[in-house]
């Protein structure tokens, strides 16, 4: 059997069950996405602002920002962070693709996300402020550094992240790999859910399954939908009993869901295949 055909079939099963839109569908995506690559600037601020507004208007599950930046303008970075911190939709920052970085201003943006994730062979850090044109004296640079350190600590504390490391990224320009970042992260059940949704959007189904399994185990935001999406992933892997069990939990937790009756039919079909 053609492996590519099997992979496509699995993808279509997940799309059909979970309500992910196919290319021809005009329905809003459950996870909105935007790619940010290059220097952080006023243009970046406008793009992120529009993406947040659109995600909120479409009632998306989350907005995923795929980020690869060497840094940029402090004013634009602060405005982006403000938009993210006040967004009505969860914002996920995914440092990607492989080889990408979230340096300087990118550290602040990543720290401000509801969920932060990094692809293999990526890095984050080196957030020390730099005066453009070299016009600032030693006293002024110290003031700028203190201000930046206080700002990143505030963000880290608000998002439940490692504030001490964040401050070191500003004061000492430290940088770490994605593997080292794993040791610093604080991941709760809600983070597992949103990261799982992000990975589904990226069609990284095995990783998504692991995150959703952690989400349903620990509870938190999106628990009903986590059961639904996990059931869909099990279904695509032909794990019919587990798929039916997860979908039943979804219906039990949200019996008035718009797709509850359709899901019940799916559960019955899965039980008959056992």
C-alpha atoms as a PDB file:
ATOM      1  CA  UNK A   1       0.000   0.000   0.000  1.00  0.00           C
ATOM      2  CA  UNK A   2       1.229   3.500  -0.813  1.00  0.00           C
ATOM      3  CA  UNK A   3       2.442   5.148   2.443  1.00  0.00           C
ATOM      4  CA  UNK A   4       1.529   8.568   1.100  1.00  0.00           C
ATOM      5  CA  UNK A   5      -2.050   7.430   0.507  1.00  0.00           C
ATOM      6  CA  UNK A   6      -2.269   6.074   4.059  1.00  0.00           C
ATOM      7  CA  UNK A   7      -1.003   9.393   5.445  1.00  0.00           C
ATOM      8  CA  UNK A   8      -3.521  11.309   3.359  1.00  0.00           C
ATOM      9  CA  UNK A   9      -6.351   9.057   4.523  1.00  0.00           C
ATOM     10  CA  UNK A  10      -5.399   9.616   8.159  1.00  0.00           C
ATOM     11  CA  UNK A  11      -5.303  13.360   7.595  1.00  0.00           C
ATOM     12  CA  UNK A  12      -8.745  13.365   6.004  1.00  0.00           C
ATOM     13  CA  UNK A  13     -10.169  11.308   8.864  1.00  0.00           C
ATOM     14  CA  UNK A  14      -8.950  13.857  11.366  1.00  0.00           C
ATOM     15  CA  UNK A  15     -10.264  16.734   9.251  1.00  0.00           C
ATOM     16  CA  UNK A  16     -13.680  15.094   8.889  1.00  0.00           C
ATOM     17  CA  UNK A  17     -14.161  14.248  12.537  1.00  0.00           C
ATOM     18  CA  UNK A  18     -12.649  17.303  14.170  1.00  0.00           C
ATOM     19  CA  UNK A  19     -14.206  19.857  11.902  1.00  0.00           C
ATOM     20  CA  UNK A  20     -10.902  21.130  10.541  1.00  0.00           C
ATOM     21  CA  UNK A  21     -11.631  22.918   7.264  1.00  0.00           C
ATOM     22  CA  UNK A  22     -10.494  21.410   4.000  1.00  0.00           C
ATOM     23  CA  UNK A  23      -8.901  23.773   1.511  1.00  0.00           C
ATOM     24  CA  UNK A  24     -12.168  24.389  -0.320  1.00  0.00           C
ATOM     25  CA  UNK A  25     -14.131  25.180   2.835  1.00  0.00           C
ATOM     26  CA  UNK A  26     -14.966  28.747   3.771  1.00  0.00           C
ATOM     27  CA  UNK A  27     -15.453  27.889   7.444  1.00  0.00           C
ATOM     28  CA  UNK A  28     -13.148  29.597   9.963  1.00  0.00           C
ATOM     29  CA  UNK A  29     -10.187  27.516  11.074  1.00  0.00           C
ATOM     30  CA  UNK A  30     -10.158  26.334  14.688  1.00  0.00           C
ATOM     31  CA  UNK A  31      -6.578  27.599  14.889  1.00  0.00           C
ATOM     32  CA  UNK A  32      -5.502  30.761  13.045  1.00  0.00           C
ATOM     33  CA  UNK A  33      -1.875  31.162  11.965  1.00  0.00           C
ATOM     34  CA  UNK A  34       0.588  33.844  10.936  1.00  0.00           C
ATOM     35  CA  UNK A  35       4.275  33.609  10.002  1.00  0.00           C
ATOM     36  CA  UNK A  36       6.606  36.315  11.323  1.00  0.00           C
ATOM     37  CA  UNK A  37      10.097  36.200   9.853  1.00  0.00           C
ATOM     38  CA  UNK A  38      12.762  38.881  10.036  1.00  0.00           C
ATOM     39  CA  UNK A  39      13.242  42.091  11.991  1.00  0.00           C
ATOM     40  CA  UNK A  40      10.462  43.228  14.351  1.00  0.00           C
ATOM     41  CA  UNK A  41       9.161  46.535  13.005  1.00  0.00           C
ATOM     42  CA  UNK A  42       5.992  48.651  12.730  1.00  0.00           C
ATOM     43  CA  UNK A  43       4.969  46.408   9.830  1.00  0.00           C
ATOM     44  CA  UNK A  44       5.248  43.382  12.127  1.00  0.00           C
ATOM     45  CA  UNK A  45       3.092  45.158  14.707  1.00  0.00           C
ATOM     46  CA  UNK A  46       0.416  45.815  12.098  1.00  0.00           C
ATOM     47  CA  UNK A  47       0.465  42.196  10.878  1.00  0.00           C
ATOM     48  CA  UNK A  48       0.195  40.754  14.389  1.00  0.00           C
ATOM     49  CA  UNK A  49      -2.565  43.210  15.294  1.00  0.00           C
ATOM     50  CA  UNK A  50      -4.584  42.272  12.218  1.00  0.00           C
ATOM     51  CA  UNK A  51      -4.043  38.559  12.910  1.00  0.00           C
ATOM     52  CA  UNK A  52      -5.307  38.913  16.494  1.00  0.00           C
ATOM     53  CA  UNK A  53      -8.333  40.924  15.354  1.00  0.00           C
ATOM     54  CA  UNK A  54      -9.156  38.346  12.680  1.00  0.00           C
ATOM     55  CA  UNK A  55      -8.729  35.396  15.060  1.00  0.00           C
ATOM     56  CA  UNK A  56     -11.022  37.033  17.593  1.00  0.00           C
ATOM     57  CA  UNK A  57     -13.632  37.890  14.948  1.00  0.00           C
ATOM     58  CA  UNK A  58     -13.601  34.295  13.675  1.00  0.00           C
ATOM     59  CA  UNK A  59     -13.711  32.929  17.240  1.00  0.00           C
ATOM     60  CA  UNK A  60     -10.642  30.824  16.556  1.00  0.00           C
ATOM     61  CA  UNK A  61      -9.441  28.338  19.150  1.00  0.00           C
ATOM     62  CA  UNK A  62      -6.081  30.118  19.182  1.00  0.00           C
ATOM     63  CA  UNK A  63      -3.722  32.215  17.098  1.00  0.00           C
ATOM     64  CA  UNK A  64      -0.392  30.562  16.285  1.00  0.00           C
ATOM     65  CA  UNK A  65       2.502  32.892  15.509  1.00  0.00           C
ATOM     66  CA  UNK A  66       5.338  31.026  13.810  1.00  0.00           C
ATOM     67  CA  UNK A  67       8.330  33.148  14.735  1.00  0.00           C
ATOM     68  CA  UNK A  68      11.871  33.464  13.383  1.00  0.00           C
ATOM     69  CA  UNK A  69      13.512  36.775  14.276  1.00  0.00           C
ATOM     70  CA  UNK A  70      16.911  38.244  15.177  1.00  0.00           C
ATOM     71  CA  UNK A  71      15.113  41.000  17.111  1.00  0.00           C
ATOM     72  CA  UNK A  72      14.079  44.499  16.180  1.00  0.00           C
ATOM     73  CA  UNK A  73      12.628  47.763  17.398  1.00  0.00           C
ATOM     74  CA  UNK A  74      11.813  48.033  21.101  1.00  0.00           C
ATOM     75  CA  UNK A  75       8.744  50.215  20.531  1.00  0.00           C
ATOM     76  CA  UNK A  76       7.217  47.747  18.062  1.00  0.00           C
ATOM     77  CA  UNK A  77       8.027  44.824  20.371  1.00  0.00           C
ATOM     78  CA  UNK A  78       6.308  46.458  23.347  1.00  0.00           C
ATOM     79  CA  UNK A  79       3.209  47.209  21.325  1.00  0.00           C
ATOM     80  CA  UNK A  80       3.067  43.597  20.087  1.00  0.00           C
ATOM     81  CA  UNK A  81       3.434  42.298  23.638  1.00  0.00           C
ATOM     82  CA  UNK A  82       0.603  44.579  24.775  1.00  0.00           C
ATOM     83  CA  UNK A  83      -1.666  43.278  22.024  1.00  0.00           C
ATOM     84  CA  UNK A  84      -0.841  39.676  22.938  1.00  0.00           C
ATOM     85  CA  UNK A  85      -1.296  40.168  26.677  1.00  0.00           C
ATOM     86  CA  UNK A  86      -4.711  41.758  26.117  1.00  0.00           C
ATOM     87  CA  UNK A  87      -5.894  39.404  23.366  1.00  0.00           C
ATOM     88  CA  UNK A  88      -9.229  37.655  23.860  1.00  0.00           C
ATOM     89  CA  UNK A  89      -7.925  34.607  21.975  1.00  0.00           C
ATOM     90  CA  UNK A  90      -5.050  32.449  23.262  1.00  0.00           C
ATOM     91  CA  UNK A  91      -1.823  33.273  21.436  1.00  0.00           C
ATOM     92  CA  UNK A  92       0.710  30.521  20.754  1.00  0.00           C
ATOM     93  CA  UNK A  93       4.249  31.431  19.699  1.00  0.00           C
ATOM     94  CA  UNK A  94       6.006  28.611  17.858  1.00  0.00           C
ATOM     95  CA  UNK A  95       9.703  29.289  17.194  1.00  0.00           C
ATOM     96  CA  UNK A  96      10.096  27.536  13.861  1.00  0.00           C
ATOM     97  CA  UNK A  97      11.073  26.140  11.419  1.00  0.00           C
ATOM     98  CA  UNK A  98      14.149  24.133  12.367  1.00  0.00           C
ATOM     99  CA  UNK A  99      17.095  26.513  12.610  1.00  0.00           C
ATOM    100  CA  UNK A 100      14.933  29.488  13.593  1.00  0.00           C
ATOM    101  CA  UNK A 101      15.542  31.771  16.564  1.00  0.00           C
ATOM    102  CA  UNK A 102      13.709  34.116  18.889  1.00  0.00           C
ATOM    103  CA  UNK A 103      16.452  36.584  19.742  1.00  0.00           C
ATOM    104  CA  UNK A 104      16.346  40.001  21.401  1.00  0.00           C
ATOM    105  CA  UNK A 105      12.807  41.394  20.871  1.00  0.00           C
ATOM    106  CA  UNK A 106      11.722  37.882  19.926  1.00  0.00           C
ATOM    107  CA  UNK A 107      12.340  36.736  23.514  1.00  0.00           C
ATOM    108  CA  UNK A 108       9.806  39.235  24.870  1.00  0.00           C
ATOM    109  CA  UNK A 109       7.234  38.200  22.258  1.00  0.00           C
ATOM    110  CA  UNK A 110       7.730  34.496  22.981  1.00  0.00           C
ATOM    111  CA  UNK A 111       7.489  35.030  26.731  1.00  0.00           C
ATOM    112  CA  UNK A 112       4.229  36.960  26.261  1.00  0.00           C
ATOM    113  CA  UNK A 113       2.483  34.024  24.571  1.00  0.00           C
ATOM    114  CA  UNK A 114      -0.117  31.948  26.389  1.00  0.00           C
ATOM    115  CA  UNK A 115       1.781  28.915  25.069  1.00  0.00           C
ATOM    116  CA  UNK A 116       5.386  28.938  23.838  1.00  0.00           C
ATOM    117  CA  UNK A 117       6.852  26.092  21.781  1.00  0.00           C
ATOM    118  CA  UNK A 118      10.083  25.572  19.856  1.00  0.00           C
ATOM    119  CA  UNK A 119      10.927  23.363  16.899  1.00  0.00           C
ATOM    120  CA  UNK A 120      14.035  21.142  17.012  1.00  0.00           C
ATOM    121  CA  UNK A 121      17.382  22.932  16.578  1.00  0.00           C
ATOM    122  CA  UNK A 122      16.059  26.386  17.477  1.00  0.00           C
ATOM    123  CA  UNK A 123      17.222  28.867  20.094  1.00  0.00           C
ATOM    124  CA  UNK A 124      15.991  31.749  22.220  1.00  0.00           C
ATOM    125  CA  UNK A 125      17.682  34.520  24.182  1.00  0.00           C
ATOM    126  CA  UNK A 126      20.257  37.323  23.862  1.00  0.00           C
ATOM    127  CA  UNK A 127      17.742  40.027  24.741  1.00  0.00           C
ATOM    128  CA  UNK A 128      20.139  42.747  25.911  1.00  0.00           C
ATOM    129  CA  UNK A 129      19.011  46.169  24.643  1.00  0.00           C
ATOM    130  CA  UNK A 130      21.187  47.914  22.057  1.00  0.00           C
ATOM    131  CA  UNK A 131      21.174  51.666  21.401  1.00  0.00           C
ATOM    132  CA  UNK A 132      20.762  52.433  17.714  1.00  0.00           C
ATOM    133  CA  UNK A 133      23.474  54.745  16.474  1.00  0.00           C
ATOM    134  CA  UNK A 134      25.476  54.357  19.690  1.00  0.00           C
ATOM    135  CA  UNK A 135      24.204  57.668  21.076  1.00  0.00           C
ATOM    136  CA  UNK A 136      23.472  56.518  24.651  1.00  0.00           C
ATOM    137  CA  UNK A 137      26.015  56.968  27.429  1.00  0.00           C
ATOM    138  CA  UNK A 138      26.685  54.425  30.203  1.00  0.00           C
ATOM    139  CA  UNK A 139      24.043  55.852  32.547  1.00  0.00           C
ATOM    140  CA  UNK A 140      21.397  55.890  29.848  1.00  0.00           C
ATOM    141  CA  UNK A 141      22.194  52.310  28.806  1.00  0.00           C
ATOM    142  CA  UNK A 142      21.834  51.178  32.421  1.00  0.00           C
ATOM    143  CA  UNK A 143      18.426  52.835  32.619  1.00  0.00           C
ATOM    144  CA  UNK A 144      17.384  51.134  29.377  1.00  0.00           C
ATOM    145  CA  UNK A 145      18.636  47.771  30.651  1.00  0.00           C
ATOM    146  CA  UNK A 146      16.807  48.106  33.986  1.00  0.00           C
ATOM    147  CA  UNK A 147      13.611  49.058  32.210  1.00  0.00           C
ATOM    148  CA  UNK A 148      13.868  46.072  29.845  1.00  0.00           C
ATOM    149  CA  UNK A 149      14.669  43.683  32.713  1.00  0.00           C
ATOM    150  CA  UNK A 150      11.657  44.852  34.707  1.00  0.00           C
ATOM    151  CA  UNK A 151       9.430  44.521  31.642  1.00  0.00           C
ATOM    152  CA  UNK A 152      10.479  40.962  30.834  1.00  0.00           C
ATOM    153  CA  UNK A 153      10.162  39.901  34.492  1.00  0.00           C
ATOM    154  CA  UNK A 154       6.614  41.251  34.527  1.00  0.00           C
ATOM    155  CA  UNK A 155       5.754  39.283  31.399  1.00  0.00           C
ATOM    156  CA  UNK A 156       7.354  36.086  32.732  1.00  0.00           C
ATOM    157  CA  UNK A 157       5.555  36.289  36.083  1.00  0.00           C
ATOM    158  CA  UNK A 158       2.212  36.981  34.398  1.00  0.00           C
ATOM    159  CA  UNK A 159       2.620  33.952  32.117  1.00  0.00           C
ATOM    160  CA  UNK A 160       4.042  31.671  34.828  1.00  0.00           C
ATOM    161  CA  UNK A 161       7.480  31.397  33.244  1.00  0.00           C
ATOM    162  CA  UNK A 162      11.022  31.486  34.617  1.00  0.00           C
ATOM    163  CA  UNK A 163      11.495  35.168  35.477  1.00  0.00           C
ATOM    164  CA  UNK A 164      15.110  34.716  36.639  1.00  0.00           C
ATOM    165  CA  UNK A 165      16.185  33.280  33.286  1.00  0.00           C
ATOM    166  CA  UNK A 166      14.238  35.983  31.449  1.00  0.00           C
ATOM    167  CA  UNK A 167      16.098  38.694  33.346  1.00  0.00           C
ATOM    168  CA  UNK A 168      19.442  37.009  32.580  1.00  0.00           C
ATOM    169  CA  UNK A 169      18.540  37.061  28.887  1.00  0.00           C
ATOM    170  CA  UNK A 170      18.349  40.858  29.193  1.00  0.00           C
ATOM    171  CA  UNK A 171      21.203  41.593  31.609  1.00  0.00           C
ATOM    172  CA  UNK A 172      23.683  38.902  30.530  1.00  0.00           C
ATOM    173  CA  UNK A 173      22.508  38.188  26.966  1.00  0.00           C
ATOM    174  CA  UNK A 174      22.202  34.467  27.727  1.00  0.00           C
ATOM    175  CA  UNK A 175      20.688  32.215  25.062  1.00  0.00           C
ATOM    176  CA  UNK A 176      19.543  28.588  25.153  1.00  0.00           C
ATOM    177  CA  UNK A 177      18.489  25.812  22.798  1.00  0.00           C
ATOM    178  CA  UNK A 178      15.021  24.319  22.625  1.00  0.00           C
ATOM    179  CA  UNK A 179      16.210  21.344  24.699  1.00  0.00           C
ATOM    180  CA  UNK A 180      17.484  23.610  27.448  1.00  0.00           C
ATOM    181  CA  UNK A 181      14.274  25.634  27.311  1.00  0.00           C
ATOM    182  CA  UNK A 182      12.274  22.498  28.133  1.00  0.00           C
ATOM    183  CA  UNK A 183      13.885  22.462  31.573  1.00  0.00           C
ATOM    184  CA  UNK A 184      12.675  26.005  32.239  1.00  0.00           C
ATOM    185  CA  UNK A 185       9.099  25.848  30.995  1.00  0.00           C
ATOM    186  CA  UNK A 186       6.023  25.793  33.199  1.00  0.00           C
ATOM    187  CA  UNK A 187       3.365  23.767  31.409  1.00  0.00           C
ATOM    188  CA  UNK A 188      -0.153  23.412  32.765  1.00  0.00           C
ATOM    189  CA  UNK A 189      -3.122  21.487  31.357  1.00  0.00           C
ATOM    190  CA  UNK A 190      -4.351  24.479  29.372  1.00  0.00           C
ATOM    191  CA  UNK A 191      -0.940  24.817  27.734  1.00  0.00           C
ATOM    192  CA  UNK A 192      -1.061  21.136  26.740  1.00  0.00           C
ATOM    193  CA  UNK A 193      -4.468  21.689  25.130  1.00  0.00           C
ATOM    194  CA  UNK A 194      -3.462  24.753  23.104  1.00  0.00           C
ATOM    195  CA  UNK A 195      -0.150  23.219  22.088  1.00  0.00           C
ATOM    196  CA  UNK A 196      -1.985  20.073  21.016  1.00  0.00           C
ATOM    197  CA  UNK A 197      -4.323  22.179  18.880  1.00  0.00           C
ATOM    198  CA  UNK A 198      -1.336  23.954  17.359  1.00  0.00           C
ATOM    199  CA  UNK A 199       0.346  20.667  16.457  1.00  0.00           C
ATOM    200  CA  UNK A 200      -2.858  19.394  14.830  1.00  0.00           C
ATOM    201  CA  UNK A 201      -2.937  22.525  12.697  1.00  0.00           C
ATOM    202  CA  UNK A 202       0.651  21.767  11.696  1.00  0.00           C
ATOM    203  CA  UNK A 203      -0.331  18.113  11.037  1.00  0.00           C
ATOM    204  CA  UNK A 204       2.188  16.837  13.575  1.00  0.00           C
ATOM    205  CA  UNK A 205      -0.313  14.299  14.858  1.00  0.00           C
ATOM    206  CA  UNK A 206       1.860  12.105  17.076  1.00  0.00           C
ATOM    207  CA  UNK A 207       3.083  15.111  19.058  1.00  0.00           C
ATOM    208  CA  UNK A 208      -0.450  16.504  19.193  1.00  0.00           C
ATOM    209  CA  UNK A 209      -1.707  13.223  20.627  1.00  0.00           C
ATOM    210  CA  UNK A 210       0.872  13.343  23.408  1.00  0.00           C
ATOM    211  CA  UNK A 211      -0.086  16.905  24.363  1.00  0.00           C
ATOM    212  CA  UNK A 212      -3.830  16.190  24.316  1.00  0.00           C
ATOM    213  CA  UNK A 213      -3.334  13.081  26.426  1.00  0.00           C
ATOM    214  CA  UNK A 214      -1.624  15.282  29.012  1.00  0.00           C
ATOM    215  CA  UNK A 215      -4.461  17.815  28.752  1.00  0.00           C
ATOM    216  CA  UNK A 216      -7.256  15.300  29.433  1.00  0.00           C
ATOM    217  CA  UNK A 217      -5.248  13.750  32.253  1.00  0.00           C
ATOM    218  CA  UNK A 218      -4.791  17.045  34.081  1.00  0.00           C
ATOM    219  CA  UNK A 219      -7.989  18.948  33.224  1.00  0.00           C
ATOM    220  CA  UNK A 220      -8.116  22.690  32.605  1.00  0.00           C
ATOM    221  CA  UNK A 221      -9.368  24.853  29.727  1.00  0.00           C
ATOM    222  CA  UNK A 222     -10.720  23.100  26.664  1.00  0.00           C
ATOM    223  CA  UNK A 223     -11.047  19.708  28.387  1.00  0.00           C
ATOM    224  CA  UNK A 224     -14.175  18.710  26.444  1.00  0.00           C
ATOM    225  CA  UNK A 225     -12.637  19.628  23.093  1.00  0.00           C
ATOM    226  CA  UNK A 226      -9.406  17.910  24.098  1.00  0.00           C
ATOM    227  CA  UNK A 227     -11.364  14.650  24.414  1.00  0.00           C
ATOM    228  CA  UNK A 228     -12.948  15.269  21.010  1.00  0.00           C
ATOM    229  CA  UNK A 229      -9.703  15.979  19.203  1.00  0.00           C
ATOM    230  CA  UNK A 230      -7.909  13.132  20.941  1.00  0.00           C
ATOM    231  CA  UNK A 231     -10.723  10.822  19.849  1.00  0.00           C
ATOM    232  CA  UNK A 232     -10.205  11.971  16.291  1.00  0.00           C
ATOM    233  CA  UNK A 233      -6.500  11.222  16.454  1.00  0.00           C
ATOM    234  CA  UNK A 234      -7.162   7.758  17.883  1.00  0.00           C
ATOM    235  CA  UNK A 235      -9.713   7.184  15.135  1.00  0.00           C
ATOM    236  CA  UNK A 236      -7.171   8.045  12.434  1.00  0.00           C
ATOM    237  CA  UNK A 237      -4.811   5.500  14.022  1.00  0.00           C
ATOM    238  CA  UNK A 238      -7.624   2.885  13.978  1.00  0.00           C
ATOM    239  CA  UNK A 239      -7.674   2.712  17.770  1.00  0.00           C
ATOM    240  CA  UNK A 240     -11.441   2.392  17.677  1.00  0.00           C
ATOM    241  CA  UNK A 241     -12.175   1.588  21.316  1.00  0.00           C
ATOM    242  CA  UNK A 242     -10.049   4.436  22.635  1.00  0.00           C
ATOM    243  CA  UNK A 243     -11.512   6.787  20.027  1.00  0.00           C
ATOM    244  CA  UNK A 244     -15.068   5.896  21.065  1.00  0.00           C
ATOM    245  CA  UNK A 245     -14.207   6.331  24.753  1.00  0.00           C
ATOM    246  CA  UNK A 246     -12.777   9.802  24.202  1.00  0.00           C
ATOM    247  CA  UNK A 247     -15.672  10.913  22.031  1.00  0.00           C
ATOM    248  CA  UNK A 248     -18.157   9.690  24.645  1.00  0.00           C
ATOM    249  CA  UNK A 249     -16.397  11.818  27.250  1.00  0.00           C
ATOM    250  CA  UNK A 250     -16.695  14.802  24.907  1.00  0.00           C
ATOM    251  CA  UNK A 251     -20.450  14.325  24.524  1.00  0.00           C
ATOM    252  CA  UNK A 252     -20.868  13.805  28.262  1.00  0.00           C
ATOM    253  CA  UNK A 253     -19.020  17.016  29.052  1.00  0.00           C
ATOM    254  CA  UNK A 254     -20.762  19.049  26.332  1.00  0.00           C
ATOM    255  CA  UNK A 255     -24.111  17.359  25.570  1.00  0.00           C
ATOM    256  CA  UNK A 256     -25.486  20.485  23.869  1.00  0.00           C
ATOM    257  CA  UNK A 257     -22.607  20.790  21.426  1.00  0.00           C
ATOM    258  CA  UNK A 258     -23.732  21.479  17.859  1.00  0.00           C
ATOM    259  CA  UNK A 259     -22.081  18.277  16.630  1.00  0.00           C
ATOM    260  CA  UNK A 260     -23.159  16.058  19.551  1.00  0.00           C
ATOM    261  CA  UNK A 261     -25.634  13.991  17.523  1.00  0.00           C
ATOM    262  CA  UNK A 262     -23.165  13.448  14.698  1.00  0.00           C
ATOM    263  CA  UNK A 263     -20.503  12.397  17.191  1.00  0.00           C
ATOM    264  CA  UNK A 264     -22.927   9.893  18.750  1.00  0.00           C
ATOM    265  CA  UNK A 265     -23.359   8.259  15.346  1.00  0.00           C
ATOM    266  CA  UNK A 266     -19.582   8.093  14.974  1.00  0.00           C
ATOM    267  CA  UNK A 267     -19.286   6.490  18.420  1.00  0.00           C
ATOM    268  CA  UNK A 268     -21.835   3.826  17.459  1.00  0.00           C
ATOM    269  CA  UNK A 269     -19.938   3.030  14.251  1.00  0.00           C
ATOM    270  CA  UNK A 270     -16.674   2.758  16.195  1.00  0.00           C
ATOM    271  CA  UNK A 271     -18.237   0.402  18.760  1.00  0.00           C
ATOM    272  CA  UNK A 272     -19.516  -1.841  15.968  1.00  0.00           C
ATOM    273  CA  UNK A 273     -16.003  -2.129  14.569  1.00  0.00           C
ATOM    274  CA  UNK A 274     -14.516  -3.412  17.831  1.00  0.00           C
END
